[in-house]
Amino acid sequence: MLGPAQIAGWIFGARWAVWLAPPLAFAALGMLFYGALVLRRMRSYPLWSNRLQLALYPAGGLLAGCGTLALDPLAALSPAHVHALGVAIAALAAVVGTLLAAVLQTTRASGPAGVASVESLVSGERATPFWGIAVTLGLVLPLALAAPTDWTGPVGLRAAGAAALTGLLALRQLFLVSAHKPTALTFRGAGPWGVKR
């Protein structure tokens, strides 16, 4: 409700719209961590419950937010805003890429279920969308387009924003469908290690 009210205030030039920014920012920060906290409760899935998800998930959310702003359908961003947003997108893409690598490495080291999850992403059946969409389109391309906004301008920034949004959506989906968990016997310590979806 607060978001549409603030947008309406901006459209009609209402001065009270500025007072909605602090509660909206507080709610947005809470939402950044919500998804990671939900995944952390799924302790039988090492890919989801990795503690670094508490950093990766919010960083991805911030990148998605900047990507949405970068679309700028009304061409309302000034050159200074375009430059600042480009720097933010490039920096966040680098942070998300670093955290993603760390999540995959620590998940792989967590046991057979973690190994199966990571291999499904990086070299298995989901490797093509992972490397092509999530990594190249979602992280490398925004980093390449958003950093030099003095050259690429608003068009490059819009392309970087659209690429980041597409790649992050693919990454979230891939993380959900690639998670494996140990078998029930593994938890009791009475049987061989194995994984199942």
N, C-alpha and C. Protein backbone atom coordinates (compact mmCIF):
# COMPACT_ATOMS: atom_id res chain seq x y z
N MET A 1 0.82 -1.20 0.00
CA MET A 1 0.00 0.00 0.00
C MET A 1 0.86 1.26 0.00
N LEU A 2 1.99 1.23 0.74
CA LEU A 2 2.83 2.42 0.81
C LEU A 2 3.46 2.76 -0.54
N GLY A 3 3.88 1.72 -1.28
CA GLY A 3 4.51 1.95 -2.57
C GLY A 3 3.60 2.67 -3.56
N PRO A 4 2.39 2.16 -3.81
CA PRO A 4 1.48 2.87 -4.72
C PRO A 4 1.13 4.28 -4.23
N ALA A 5 1.02 4.44 -2.89
CA ALA A 5 0.73 5.78 -2.36
C ALA A 5 1.88 6.73 -2.66
N GLN A 6 3.11 6.26 -2.51
CA GLN A 6 4.25 7.14 -2.80
C GLN A 6 4.32 7.48 -4.29
N ILE A 7 4.08 6.49 -5.15
CA ILE A 7 4.09 6.75 -6.60
C ILE A 7 3.02 7.75 -6.97
N ALA A 8 1.82 7.59 -6.39
CA ALA A 8 0.74 8.56 -6.65
C ALA A 8 1.14 9.95 -6.18
N GLY A 9 1.80 10.02 -5.02
CA GLY A 9 2.26 11.31 -4.52
C GLY A 9 3.26 11.96 -5.45
N TRP A 10 4.17 11.16 -6.01
CA TRP A 10 5.14 11.71 -6.97
C TRP A 10 4.44 12.23 -8.23
N ILE A 11 3.49 11.43 -8.72
CA ILE A 11 2.80 11.82 -9.96
C ILE A 11 2.05 13.13 -9.78
N PHE A 12 1.38 13.27 -8.64
CA PHE A 12 0.56 14.47 -8.41
C PHE A 12 1.31 15.57 -7.67
N GLY A 13 2.60 15.35 -7.43
CA GLY A 13 3.41 16.40 -6.81
C GLY A 13 3.08 16.67 -5.36
N ALA A 14 2.60 15.66 -4.64
CA ALA A 14 2.25 15.86 -3.23
C ALA A 14 3.52 15.87 -2.38
N ARG A 15 3.62 16.82 -1.47
CA ARG A 15 4.82 16.93 -0.64
C ARG A 15 4.90 15.84 0.41
N TRP A 16 3.78 15.25 0.79
CA TRP A 16 3.79 14.23 1.83
C TRP A 16 4.42 12.93 1.35
N ALA A 17 4.60 12.76 0.02
CA ALA A 17 5.15 11.51 -0.51
C ALA A 17 6.56 11.24 0.01
N VAL A 18 7.30 12.30 0.29
CA VAL A 18 8.68 12.11 0.76
C VAL A 18 8.72 11.43 2.14
N TRP A 19 7.66 11.59 2.92
CA TRP A 19 7.63 10.98 4.26
C TRP A 19 7.39 9.48 4.22
N LEU A 20 7.00 8.99 3.08
CA LEU A 20 6.78 7.54 2.95
C LEU A 20 8.09 6.79 2.67
N ALA A 21 9.14 7.51 2.31
CA ALA A 21 10.41 6.86 1.96
C ALA A 21 11.02 6.06 3.11
N PRO A 22 11.11 6.60 4.35
CA PRO A 22 11.73 5.81 5.44
C PRO A 22 11.00 4.50 5.75
N PRO A 23 9.65 4.49 5.90
CA PRO A 23 9.02 3.19 6.16
C PRO A 23 9.14 2.22 4.98
N LEU A 24 9.15 2.75 3.76
CA LEU A 24 9.32 1.88 2.59
C LEU A 24 10.72 1.28 2.57
N ALA A 25 11.73 2.07 2.89
CA ALA A 25 13.10 1.56 2.92
C ALA A 25 13.25 0.49 4.00
N PHE A 26 12.64 0.71 5.16
CA PHE A 26 12.71 -0.27 6.24
C PHE A 26 12.05 -1.58 5.83
N ALA A 27 10.88 -1.49 5.20
CA ALA A 27 10.18 -2.70 4.74
C ALA A 27 10.97 -3.42 3.66
N ALA A 28 11.59 -2.64 2.76
CA ALA A 28 12.37 -3.25 1.68
C ALA A 28 13.58 -3.99 2.22
N LEU A 29 14.26 -3.43 3.23
CA LEU A 29 15.41 -4.11 3.82
C LEU A 29 14.99 -5.43 4.46
N GLY A 30 13.85 -5.43 5.12
CA GLY A 30 13.35 -6.67 5.70
C GLY A 30 13.07 -7.72 4.64
N MET A 31 12.51 -7.30 3.51
CA MET A 31 12.19 -8.24 2.45
C MET A 31 13.45 -8.81 1.79
N LEU A 32 14.54 -8.04 1.80
CA LEU A 32 15.78 -8.53 1.21
C LEU A 32 16.27 -9.78 1.92
N PHE A 33 16.08 -9.83 3.25
CA PHE A 33 16.56 -10.96 4.03
C PHE A 33 15.53 -12.08 4.17
N TYR A 34 14.28 -11.79 3.87
CA TYR A 34 13.22 -12.76 4.13
C TYR A 34 13.44 -14.07 3.36
N GLY A 35 13.72 -13.96 2.07
CA GLY A 35 13.91 -15.15 1.27
C GLY A 35 15.07 -16.01 1.76
N ALA A 36 16.17 -15.34 2.15
CA ALA A 36 17.32 -16.08 2.66
C ALA A 36 16.98 -16.78 3.96
N LEU A 37 16.21 -16.13 4.83
CA LEU A 37 15.84 -16.75 6.10
C LEU A 37 14.92 -17.95 5.88
N VAL A 38 14.04 -17.87 4.90
CA VAL A 38 13.17 -19.01 4.59
C VAL A 38 14.02 -20.18 4.10
N LEU A 39 14.97 -19.90 3.20
CA LEU A 39 15.82 -20.98 2.70
C LEU A 39 16.67 -21.59 3.81
N ARG A 40 17.15 -20.78 4.73
CA ARG A 40 18.00 -21.27 5.81
C ARG A 40 17.28 -22.30 6.69
N ARG A 41 15.96 -22.22 6.74
CA ARG A 41 15.19 -23.16 7.56
C ARG A 41 15.10 -24.54 6.91
N MET A 42 15.40 -24.62 5.62
CA MET A 42 15.38 -25.90 4.92
C MET A 42 16.75 -26.57 5.10
N ARG A 43 17.03 -27.00 6.32
CA ARG A 43 18.38 -27.43 6.68
C ARG A 43 18.83 -28.71 5.97
N SER A 44 17.90 -29.49 5.46
CA SER A 44 18.30 -30.72 4.79
C SER A 44 18.82 -30.47 3.38
N TYR A 45 18.72 -29.24 2.88
CA TYR A 45 19.22 -28.89 1.56
C TYR A 45 20.44 -27.99 1.71
N PRO A 46 21.64 -28.52 1.54
CA PRO A 46 22.85 -27.70 1.77
C PRO A 46 22.92 -26.45 0.90
N LEU A 47 22.44 -26.53 -0.33
CA LEU A 47 22.51 -25.36 -1.22
C LEU A 47 21.65 -24.22 -0.69
N TRP A 48 20.52 -24.55 -0.11
CA TRP A 48 19.62 -23.52 0.41
C TRP A 48 20.05 -23.01 1.78
N SER A 49 20.51 -23.92 2.63
CA SER A 49 20.78 -23.54 4.02
C SER A 49 22.18 -22.99 4.22
N ASN A 50 22.95 -22.86 3.17
CA ASN A 50 24.29 -22.28 3.26
C ASN A 50 24.21 -20.90 3.91
N ARG A 51 25.03 -20.68 4.93
CA ARG A 51 24.94 -19.40 5.66
C ARG A 51 25.28 -18.19 4.79
N LEU A 52 26.04 -18.40 3.73
CA LEU A 52 26.36 -17.28 2.84
C LEU A 52 25.16 -16.81 2.02
N GLN A 53 24.08 -17.61 2.01
CA GLN A 53 22.85 -17.15 1.37
C GLN A 53 22.33 -15.87 2.05
N LEU A 54 22.66 -15.71 3.34
CA LEU A 54 22.24 -14.50 4.06
C LEU A 54 22.91 -13.25 3.51
N ALA A 55 23.99 -13.43 2.76
CA ALA A 55 24.63 -12.30 2.08
C ALA A 55 24.27 -12.27 0.60
N LEU A 56 24.24 -13.45 -0.04
CA LEU A 56 23.97 -13.52 -1.47
C LEU A 56 22.56 -13.06 -1.80
N TYR A 57 21.58 -13.50 -1.03
CA TYR A 57 20.18 -13.17 -1.33
C TYR A 57 19.93 -11.66 -1.27
N PRO A 58 20.34 -10.97 -0.18
CA PRO A 58 20.15 -9.51 -0.15
C PRO A 58 20.95 -8.78 -1.22
N ALA A 59 22.18 -9.23 -1.49
CA ALA A 59 22.98 -8.57 -2.53
C ALA A 59 22.29 -8.71 -3.89
N GLY A 60 21.74 -9.88 -4.17
CA GLY A 60 20.98 -10.06 -5.40
C GLY A 60 19.74 -9.19 -5.44
N GLY A 61 19.08 -9.04 -4.29
CA GLY A 61 17.91 -8.16 -4.23
C GLY A 61 18.25 -6.71 -4.50
N LEU A 62 19.39 -6.25 -3.96
CA LEU A 62 19.84 -4.88 -4.23
C LEU A 62 20.18 -4.70 -5.70
N LEU A 63 20.83 -5.71 -6.29
CA LEU A 63 21.14 -5.63 -7.73
C LEU A 63 19.86 -5.59 -8.56
N ALA A 64 18.87 -6.39 -8.17
CA ALA A 64 17.60 -6.37 -8.89
C ALA A 64 16.91 -5.02 -8.76
N GLY A 65 16.98 -4.42 -7.56
CA GLY A 65 16.39 -3.10 -7.37
C GLY A 65 17.06 -2.05 -8.24
N CYS A 66 18.40 -2.09 -8.28
CA CYS A 66 19.12 -1.14 -9.14
C CYS A 66 18.81 -1.40 -10.61
N GLY A 67 18.68 -2.70 -10.97
CA GLY A 67 18.33 -3.03 -12.34
C GLY A 67 16.97 -2.50 -12.74
N THR A 68 16.03 -2.54 -11.80
CA THR A 68 14.69 -2.00 -12.07
C THR A 68 14.75 -0.49 -12.27
N LEU A 69 15.49 0.20 -11.40
CA LEU A 69 15.65 1.64 -11.56
C LEU A 69 16.32 1.99 -12.88
N ALA A 70 17.26 1.16 -13.30
CA ALA A 70 18.01 1.44 -14.53
C ALA A 70 17.13 1.39 -15.77
N LEU A 71 16.01 0.66 -15.71
CA LEU A 71 15.13 0.59 -16.88
C LEU A 71 14.59 1.98 -17.24
N ASP A 72 14.31 2.80 -16.24
CA ASP A 72 13.98 4.22 -16.41
C ASP A 72 13.07 4.47 -17.62
N PRO A 73 11.84 3.94 -17.62
CA PRO A 73 10.98 4.08 -18.80
C PRO A 73 10.60 5.51 -19.13
N LEU A 74 10.63 6.39 -18.14
CA LEU A 74 10.26 7.80 -18.39
C LEU A 74 11.46 8.68 -18.69
N ALA A 75 12.64 8.08 -18.79
CA ALA A 75 13.88 8.81 -19.05
C ALA A 75 14.05 9.98 -18.07
N ALA A 76 13.82 9.68 -16.79
CA ALA A 76 13.86 10.72 -15.76
C ALA A 76 15.22 10.84 -15.08
N LEU A 77 16.15 9.92 -15.37
CA LEU A 77 17.44 9.95 -14.69
C LEU A 77 18.37 10.99 -15.31
N SER A 78 18.99 11.78 -14.46
CA SER A 78 19.97 12.76 -14.94
C SER A 78 21.28 12.03 -15.26
N PRO A 79 22.21 12.67 -15.98
CA PRO A 79 23.52 12.03 -16.24
C PRO A 79 24.24 11.62 -14.96
N ALA A 80 24.12 12.42 -13.91
CA ALA A 80 24.76 12.07 -12.64
C ALA A 80 24.13 10.81 -12.04
N HIS A 81 22.79 10.70 -12.14
CA HIS A 81 22.10 9.51 -11.64
C HIS A 81 22.46 8.27 -12.47
N VAL A 82 22.56 8.46 -13.78
CA VAL A 82 22.94 7.35 -14.66
C VAL A 82 24.32 6.83 -14.27
N HIS A 83 25.25 7.75 -14.04
CA HIS A 83 26.61 7.35 -13.66
C HIS A 83 26.62 6.63 -12.31
N ALA A 84 25.93 7.20 -11.32
CA ALA A 84 25.91 6.60 -9.99
C ALA A 84 25.25 5.22 -10.01
N LEU A 85 24.17 5.09 -10.76
CA LEU A 85 23.47 3.81 -10.84
C LEU A 85 24.33 2.78 -11.58
N GLY A 86 25.06 3.23 -12.60
CA GLY A 86 25.95 2.33 -13.30
C GLY A 86 27.06 1.79 -12.40
N VAL A 87 27.63 2.67 -11.59
CA VAL A 87 28.66 2.25 -10.64
C VAL A 87 28.08 1.25 -9.64
N ALA A 88 26.86 1.52 -9.16
CA ALA A 88 26.22 0.63 -8.18
C ALA A 88 25.95 -0.74 -8.80
N ILE A 89 25.44 -0.78 -10.03
CA ILE A 89 25.15 -2.05 -10.68
C ILE A 89 26.43 -2.85 -10.91
N ALA A 90 27.47 -2.18 -11.38
CA ALA A 90 28.73 -2.88 -11.61
C ALA A 90 29.30 -3.44 -10.30
N ALA A 91 29.27 -2.64 -9.25
CA ALA A 91 29.80 -3.09 -7.96
C ALA A 91 28.98 -4.25 -7.41
N LEU A 92 27.65 -4.15 -7.49
CA LEU A 92 26.80 -5.22 -6.97
C LEU A 92 26.93 -6.50 -7.80
N ALA A 93 27.11 -6.37 -9.11
CA ALA A 93 27.31 -7.56 -9.94
C ALA A 93 28.59 -8.28 -9.53
N ALA A 94 29.64 -7.51 -9.22
CA ALA A 94 30.90 -8.11 -8.77
C ALA A 94 30.71 -8.79 -7.41
N VAL A 95 29.98 -8.14 -6.51
CA VAL A 95 29.74 -8.71 -5.18
C VAL A 95 28.92 -10.00 -5.28
N VAL A 96 27.86 -9.96 -6.09
CA VAL A 96 27.01 -11.15 -6.25
C VAL A 96 27.81 -12.30 -6.87
N GLY A 97 28.64 -11.99 -7.85
CA GLY A 97 29.47 -13.03 -8.46
C GLY A 97 30.44 -13.66 -7.47
N THR A 98 31.06 -12.83 -6.64
CA THR A 98 31.98 -13.34 -5.62
C THR A 98 31.25 -14.20 -4.60
N LEU A 99 30.09 -13.72 -4.13
CA LEU A 99 29.32 -14.49 -3.15
C LEU A 99 28.79 -15.79 -3.75
N LEU A 100 28.39 -15.74 -5.01
CA LEU A 100 27.91 -16.95 -5.67
C LEU A 100 29.02 -18.01 -5.72
N ALA A 101 30.23 -17.60 -6.08
CA ALA A 101 31.34 -18.54 -6.11
C ALA A 101 31.60 -19.12 -4.71
N ALA A 102 31.51 -18.28 -3.69
CA ALA A 102 31.73 -18.75 -2.32
C ALA A 102 30.63 -19.71 -1.88
N VAL A 103 29.38 -19.44 -2.23
CA VAL A 103 28.27 -20.34 -1.89
C VAL A 103 28.47 -21.69 -2.55
N LEU A 104 28.84 -21.70 -3.81
CA LEU A 104 29.04 -22.96 -4.51
C LEU A 104 30.21 -23.75 -3.90
N GLN A 105 31.30 -23.05 -3.58
CA GLN A 105 32.45 -23.74 -3.01
C GLN A 105 32.14 -24.35 -1.65
N THR A 106 31.49 -23.58 -0.78
CA THR A 106 31.19 -24.09 0.56
C THR A 106 30.10 -25.16 0.52
N THR A 107 29.17 -25.04 -0.41
CA THR A 107 28.14 -26.08 -0.55
C THR A 107 28.77 -27.38 -1.03
N ARG A 108 29.68 -27.30 -1.96
CA ARG A 108 30.37 -28.50 -2.47
C ARG A 108 31.12 -29.21 -1.34
N ALA A 109 31.67 -28.44 -0.40
CA ALA A 109 32.45 -29.02 0.70
C ALA A 109 31.58 -29.57 1.82
N SER A 110 30.24 -29.41 1.71
CA SER A 110 29.36 -29.81 2.80
C SER A 110 29.00 -31.29 2.78
N GLY A 111 29.31 -31.99 1.72
CA GLY A 111 28.98 -33.41 1.65
C GLY A 111 28.41 -33.80 0.30
N PRO A 112 28.01 -35.06 0.15
CA PRO A 112 27.51 -35.56 -1.14
C PRO A 112 26.30 -34.81 -1.68
N ALA A 113 25.39 -34.42 -0.80
CA ALA A 113 24.22 -33.68 -1.28
C ALA A 113 24.63 -32.33 -1.83
N GLY A 114 25.59 -31.69 -1.18
CA GLY A 114 26.10 -30.42 -1.68
C GLY A 114 26.83 -30.58 -3.00
N VAL A 115 27.62 -31.64 -3.11
CA VAL A 115 28.33 -31.91 -4.36
C VAL A 115 27.34 -32.11 -5.50
N ALA A 116 26.29 -32.89 -5.25
CA ALA A 116 25.28 -33.15 -6.29
C ALA A 116 24.58 -31.86 -6.71
N SER A 117 24.28 -30.99 -5.75
CA SER A 117 23.61 -29.73 -6.06
C SER A 117 24.50 -28.84 -6.93
N VAL A 118 25.75 -28.71 -6.53
CA VAL A 118 26.67 -27.83 -7.27
C VAL A 118 26.96 -28.40 -8.65
N GLU A 119 27.18 -29.69 -8.74
CA GLU A 119 27.47 -30.29 -10.05
C GLU A 119 26.29 -30.17 -11.00
N SER A 120 25.08 -30.24 -10.45
CA SER A 120 23.89 -30.05 -11.28
C SER A 120 23.90 -28.66 -11.92
N LEU A 121 24.40 -27.67 -11.17
CA LEU A 121 24.45 -26.31 -11.67
C LEU A 121 25.61 -26.07 -12.63
N VAL A 122 26.80 -26.43 -12.23
CA VAL A 122 27.99 -26.00 -12.98
C VAL A 122 28.40 -26.94 -14.10
N SER A 123 28.03 -28.21 -14.02
CA SER A 123 28.46 -29.12 -15.08
C SER A 123 27.41 -30.14 -15.48
N GLY A 124 26.26 -30.10 -14.85
CA GLY A 124 25.22 -31.07 -15.13
C GLY A 124 24.14 -30.57 -16.06
N GLU A 125 22.94 -31.03 -15.80
CA GLU A 125 21.82 -30.74 -16.69
C GLU A 125 21.43 -29.27 -16.72
N ARG A 126 21.80 -28.51 -15.70
CA ARG A 126 21.42 -27.09 -15.66
C ARG A 126 22.60 -26.16 -15.92
N ALA A 127 23.70 -26.70 -16.41
CA ALA A 127 24.90 -25.90 -16.63
C ALA A 127 24.69 -24.83 -17.70
N THR A 128 23.97 -25.15 -18.76
CA THR A 128 23.79 -24.18 -19.85
C THR A 128 23.02 -22.93 -19.39
N PRO A 129 21.86 -23.08 -18.74
CA PRO A 129 21.20 -21.85 -18.26
C PRO A 129 21.98 -21.17 -17.14
N PHE A 130 22.70 -21.96 -16.33
CA PHE A 130 23.47 -21.35 -15.24
C PHE A 130 24.56 -20.44 -15.80
N TRP A 131 25.41 -20.99 -16.67
CA TRP A 131 26.52 -20.20 -17.21
C TRP A 131 26.04 -19.16 -18.23
N GLY A 132 25.05 -19.54 -19.04
CA GLY A 132 24.62 -18.64 -20.11
C GLY A 132 23.73 -17.50 -19.64
N ILE A 133 22.76 -17.83 -18.78
CA ILE A 133 21.78 -16.80 -18.37
C ILE A 133 22.16 -16.19 -17.03
N ALA A 134 22.33 -17.04 -16.01
CA ALA A 134 22.57 -16.51 -14.66
C ALA A 134 23.91 -15.79 -14.54
N VAL A 135 24.96 -16.41 -15.08
CA VAL A 135 26.30 -15.82 -14.91
C VAL A 135 26.62 -14.80 -16.00
N THR A 136 26.58 -15.23 -17.27
CA THR A 136 27.00 -14.33 -18.35
C THR A 136 26.02 -13.16 -18.52
N LEU A 137 24.74 -13.49 -18.67
CA LEU A 137 23.75 -12.43 -18.88
C LEU A 137 23.49 -11.64 -17.60
N GLY A 138 23.41 -12.34 -16.47
CA GLY A 138 23.00 -11.67 -15.24
C GLY A 138 24.10 -10.96 -14.48
N LEU A 139 25.36 -11.36 -14.69
CA LEU A 139 26.46 -10.75 -13.93
C LEU A 139 27.53 -10.13 -14.81
N VAL A 140 28.02 -10.89 -15.80
CA VAL A 140 29.12 -10.38 -16.63
C VAL A 140 28.66 -9.21 -17.50
N LEU A 141 27.52 -9.37 -18.17
CA LEU A 141 27.04 -8.31 -19.06
C LEU A 141 26.70 -7.02 -18.29
N PRO A 142 25.98 -7.08 -17.16
CA PRO A 142 25.77 -5.84 -16.41
C PRO A 142 27.07 -5.19 -15.95
N LEU A 143 28.05 -5.99 -15.57
CA LEU A 143 29.34 -5.44 -15.16
C LEU A 143 30.01 -4.73 -16.34
N ALA A 144 29.93 -5.33 -17.53
CA ALA A 144 30.58 -4.74 -18.70
C ALA A 144 29.85 -3.49 -19.20
N LEU A 145 28.52 -3.48 -19.10
CA LEU A 145 27.75 -2.35 -19.63
C LEU A 145 27.57 -1.21 -18.64
N ALA A 146 27.45 -1.56 -17.36
CA ALA A 146 27.10 -0.52 -16.38
C ALA A 146 28.32 0.27 -15.91
N ALA A 147 29.48 -0.37 -15.87
CA ALA A 147 30.66 0.33 -15.37
C ALA A 147 31.02 1.54 -16.23
N PRO A 148 31.06 1.42 -17.58
CA PRO A 148 31.43 2.59 -18.39
C PRO A 148 30.22 3.40 -18.86
N THR A 149 29.37 3.84 -17.94
CA THR A 149 28.16 4.56 -18.36
C THR A 149 28.49 5.90 -19.01
N ASP A 150 29.70 6.40 -18.81
CA ASP A 150 30.08 7.63 -19.52
C ASP A 150 30.10 7.39 -21.03
N TRP A 151 30.33 6.13 -21.43
CA TRP A 151 30.33 5.79 -22.85
C TRP A 151 29.00 5.23 -23.29
N THR A 152 28.45 4.33 -22.50
CA THR A 152 27.23 3.64 -22.93
C THR A 152 25.97 4.46 -22.68
N GLY A 153 26.00 5.34 -21.67
CA GLY A 153 24.87 6.21 -21.38
C GLY A 153 23.63 5.48 -20.91
N PRO A 154 22.47 6.14 -21.01
CA PRO A 154 21.22 5.53 -20.54
C PRO A 154 20.85 4.24 -21.25
N VAL A 155 21.19 4.12 -22.54
CA VAL A 155 20.86 2.91 -23.29
C VAL A 155 21.64 1.72 -22.72
N GLY A 156 22.93 1.91 -22.47
CA GLY A 156 23.73 0.85 -21.88
C GLY A 156 23.26 0.50 -20.48
N LEU A 157 22.84 1.53 -19.73
CA LEU A 157 22.35 1.28 -18.37
C LEU A 157 21.05 0.48 -18.40
N ARG A 158 20.16 0.81 -19.32
CA ARG A 158 18.91 0.04 -19.44
C ARG A 158 19.20 -1.42 -19.80
N ALA A 159 20.12 -1.62 -20.73
CA ALA A 159 20.48 -2.99 -21.11
C ALA A 159 21.08 -3.74 -19.93
N ALA A 160 21.92 -3.06 -19.15
CA ALA A 160 22.52 -3.68 -17.97
C ALA A 160 21.45 -4.05 -16.95
N GLY A 161 20.49 -3.15 -16.76
CA GLY A 161 19.40 -3.42 -15.81
C GLY A 161 18.55 -4.59 -16.24
N ALA A 162 18.18 -4.64 -17.52
CA ALA A 162 17.37 -5.75 -18.02
C ALA A 162 18.12 -7.07 -17.93
N ALA A 163 19.41 -7.05 -18.23
CA ALA A 163 20.22 -8.27 -18.15
C ALA A 163 20.34 -8.76 -16.71
N ALA A 164 20.56 -7.82 -15.79
CA ALA A 164 20.68 -8.20 -14.38
C ALA A 164 19.39 -8.83 -13.87
N LEU A 165 18.26 -8.23 -14.20
CA LEU A 165 16.97 -8.78 -13.76
C LEU A 165 16.73 -10.17 -14.32
N THR A 166 17.00 -10.36 -15.60
CA THR A 166 16.81 -11.67 -16.23
C THR A 166 17.71 -12.72 -15.60
N GLY A 167 18.98 -12.37 -15.42
CA GLY A 167 19.93 -13.31 -14.86
C GLY A 167 19.63 -13.68 -13.42
N LEU A 168 19.22 -12.70 -12.62
CA LEU A 168 18.91 -12.98 -11.21
C LEU A 168 17.66 -13.84 -11.08
N LEU A 169 16.67 -13.60 -11.92
CA LEU A 169 15.48 -14.44 -11.91
C LEU A 169 15.85 -15.88 -12.25
N ALA A 170 16.71 -16.05 -13.26
CA ALA A 170 17.15 -17.39 -13.62
C ALA A 170 17.95 -18.03 -12.49
N LEU A 171 18.81 -17.25 -11.84
CA LEU A 171 19.62 -17.80 -10.75
C LEU A 171 18.75 -18.28 -9.60
N ARG A 172 17.75 -17.50 -9.22
CA ARG A 172 16.85 -17.92 -8.12
C ARG A 172 16.13 -19.21 -8.50
N GLN A 173 15.65 -19.29 -9.73
CA GLN A 173 14.94 -20.50 -10.17
C GLN A 173 15.89 -21.70 -10.19
N LEU A 174 17.09 -21.51 -10.67
CA LEU A 174 18.04 -22.60 -10.74
C LEU A 174 18.44 -23.09 -9.36
N PHE A 175 18.58 -22.17 -8.41
CA PHE A 175 18.90 -22.57 -7.04
C PHE A 175 17.77 -23.42 -6.45
N LEU A 176 16.54 -23.08 -6.77
CA LEU A 176 15.41 -23.82 -6.22
C LEU A 176 15.33 -25.23 -6.78
N VAL A 177 15.57 -25.39 -8.07
CA VAL A 177 15.37 -26.70 -8.69
C VAL A 177 16.61 -27.58 -8.62
N SER A 178 17.76 -27.03 -8.25
CA SER A 178 18.99 -27.82 -8.24
C SER A 178 19.36 -28.37 -6.88
N ALA A 179 18.64 -28.00 -5.84
CA ALA A 179 19.01 -28.43 -4.49
C ALA A 179 18.71 -29.92 -4.30
N HIS A 180 19.68 -30.64 -3.74
CA HIS A 180 19.54 -32.04 -3.38
C HIS A 180 19.64 -32.15 -1.87
N LYS A 181 19.11 -33.23 -1.34
CA LYS A 181 19.23 -33.46 0.10
C LYS A 181 19.68 -34.89 0.36
N PRO A 182 20.31 -35.14 1.52
CA PRO A 182 20.71 -36.51 1.84
C PRO A 182 19.48 -37.39 2.03
N THR A 183 19.67 -38.70 1.91
CA THR A 183 18.57 -39.63 2.14
C THR A 183 18.25 -39.69 3.64
N ALA A 184 17.10 -40.24 3.96
CA ALA A 184 16.69 -40.36 5.36
C ALA A 184 17.69 -41.21 6.15
N LEU A 185 18.23 -42.27 5.53
CA LEU A 185 19.19 -43.13 6.21
C LEU A 185 20.45 -42.37 6.59
N THR A 186 20.81 -41.41 5.77
CA THR A 186 22.01 -40.62 6.05
C THR A 186 21.86 -39.88 7.36
N PHE A 187 20.66 -39.32 7.59
CA PHE A 187 20.44 -38.55 8.81
C PHE A 187 20.57 -39.43 10.05
N ARG A 188 20.18 -40.71 9.93
CA ARG A 188 20.28 -41.60 11.08
C ARG A 188 21.68 -42.20 11.20
N GLY A 189 22.50 -41.99 10.19
CA GLY A 189 23.85 -42.53 10.21
C GLY A 189 23.87 -44.03 10.05
N ALA A 190 22.78 -44.62 9.52
CA ALA A 190 22.68 -46.07 9.45
C ALA A 190 22.79 -46.61 8.04
N GLY A 191 23.01 -45.73 7.07
CA GLY A 191 23.02 -46.22 5.70
C GLY A 191 24.04 -45.50 4.86
N PRO A 192 24.16 -45.88 3.59
CA PRO A 192 25.14 -45.26 2.71
C PRO A 192 24.73 -43.85 2.34
N TRP A 193 25.72 -43.06 2.00
CA TRP A 193 25.40 -41.71 1.52
C TRP A 193 24.72 -41.82 0.17
N GLY A 194 23.74 -40.98 -0.02
CA GLY A 194 23.06 -40.92 -1.31
C GLY A 194 22.32 -39.62 -1.37
N VAL A 195 21.87 -39.27 -2.52
CA VAL A 195 21.14 -38.03 -2.68
C VAL A 195 19.87 -38.30 -3.43
N LYS A 196 18.90 -37.50 -3.14
CA LYS A 196 17.66 -37.56 -3.89
C LYS A 196 17.10 -36.16 -3.97
N ARG A 197 16.25 -35.95 -4.91
CA ARG A 197 15.69 -34.61 -5.04
C ARG A 197 14.52 -34.43 -4.13
